[in-house]
Protein backbone atom coordinates (compact mmCIF):
# COMPACT_ATOMS: atom_id res chain seq x y z
CA MET A 1 -44.60 -33.75 -28.40
CA SER A 2 -43.98 -33.43 -24.68
CA ARG A 3 -46.18 -35.07 -22.10
CA VAL A 4 -47.98 -32.02 -20.70
CA CYS A 5 -51.65 -31.69 -19.80
CA ASP A 6 -53.41 -28.97 -21.80
CA VAL A 7 -55.71 -28.01 -18.91
CA THR A 8 -53.61 -28.28 -15.75
CA GLY A 9 -50.09 -27.95 -17.19
CA LYS A 10 -48.90 -31.00 -15.27
CA LYS A 11 -45.60 -32.57 -16.40
CA PRO A 12 -43.73 -35.75 -15.49
CA MET A 13 -41.79 -35.81 -12.23
CA PHE A 14 -38.32 -37.31 -11.89
CA GLY A 15 -36.94 -39.50 -9.14
CA ASN A 16 -34.95 -42.63 -8.42
CA ASN A 17 -35.50 -46.35 -8.73
CA VAL A 18 -34.04 -47.76 -5.53
CA SER A 19 -33.08 -51.42 -5.55
CA HIS A 20 -32.91 -53.73 -2.56
CA ALA A 21 -29.14 -53.12 -2.54
CA ASN A 22 -29.89 -49.35 -2.40
CA ASN A 23 -28.59 -48.71 -5.95
CA LYS A 24 -30.21 -45.61 -7.39
CA THR A 25 -31.01 -45.04 -11.06
CA ARG A 26 -33.03 -42.16 -12.48
CA ARG A 27 -36.63 -42.75 -13.46
CA ARG A 28 -39.62 -40.77 -14.59
CA PHE A 29 -43.10 -40.60 -13.05
CA ASN A 30 -45.36 -39.97 -16.07
CA ILE A 31 -48.79 -38.42 -15.71
CA ASN A 32 -51.90 -40.24 -16.87
CA LEU A 33 -52.48 -38.42 -20.17
CA GLN A 34 -55.47 -39.16 -22.38
CA LYS A 35 -56.26 -37.87 -25.86
CA LYS A 36 -59.93 -36.92 -25.67
CA LYS A 37 -62.44 -35.24 -27.97
CA PHE A 38 -64.86 -32.73 -26.47
CA TRP A 39 -67.94 -31.23 -28.14
CA LEU A 40 -68.10 -27.43 -28.10
CA PRO A 41 -71.82 -26.64 -28.37
CA ASN A 42 -71.45 -22.89 -28.99
CA GLU A 43 -69.05 -23.52 -31.95
CA SER A 44 -70.76 -26.75 -33.15
CA ARG A 45 -67.48 -28.66 -33.45
CA TYR A 46 -65.23 -31.11 -31.65
CA ILE A 47 -61.84 -30.26 -30.18
CA THR A 48 -59.16 -32.76 -29.22
CA LEU A 49 -57.17 -32.13 -26.07
CA ARG A 50 -54.35 -34.03 -24.36
CA VAL A 51 -55.58 -33.97 -20.78
CA SER A 52 -54.68 -35.74 -17.58
CA THR A 53 -57.38 -37.53 -15.65
CA ARG A 54 -57.38 -34.59 -13.22
CA GLY A 55 -57.95 -32.30 -16.22
CA ILE A 56 -60.95 -34.39 -17.28
CA ARG A 57 -62.41 -33.98 -13.80
CA ILE A 58 -61.89 -30.20 -13.98
CA ILE A 59 -63.70 -30.12 -17.34
CA ASP A 60 -66.57 -32.17 -15.84
CA LYS A 61 -66.81 -29.73 -12.93
CA LYS A 62 -66.45 -26.36 -14.68
CA GLY A 63 -67.65 -27.19 -18.18
CA ILE A 64 -65.76 -27.34 -21.47
CA THR A 65 -66.71 -23.82 -22.60
CA GLN A 66 -65.28 -22.18 -19.48
CA VAL A 67 -62.07 -24.26 -19.71
CA VAL A 68 -61.62 -23.38 -23.41
CA GLN A 69 -62.12 -19.67 -22.66
CA LYS A 70 -59.41 -19.87 -19.99
CA LEU A 71 -57.04 -21.67 -22.42
CA ARG A 72 -57.60 -19.02 -25.09
CA LYS A 73 -57.01 -16.27 -22.53
CA LYS A 74 -53.59 -17.85 -21.83
CA GLY A 75 -52.84 -17.74 -25.56
CA ILE A 76 -53.20 -21.46 -26.31
CA LYS A 77 -54.78 -22.12 -29.70
CA VAL A 78 -57.75 -24.49 -29.43
């Protein structure tokens, strides 16, 4: 499974490790993904989402029901 946030759609970035001698090798900047369970009160069940910490803050701000409605509108099965 790829490292993509379910809420924001963020993915890892790519760049270079640069040594003191200025040698460059490719590296990957991963996002801070968490597997988190959220309670959906209107459906009386839990859902598990892979969200970044920014995604968790968005859920805290807007509410889980509004975020789930937006995900379903995009066609993502929750």
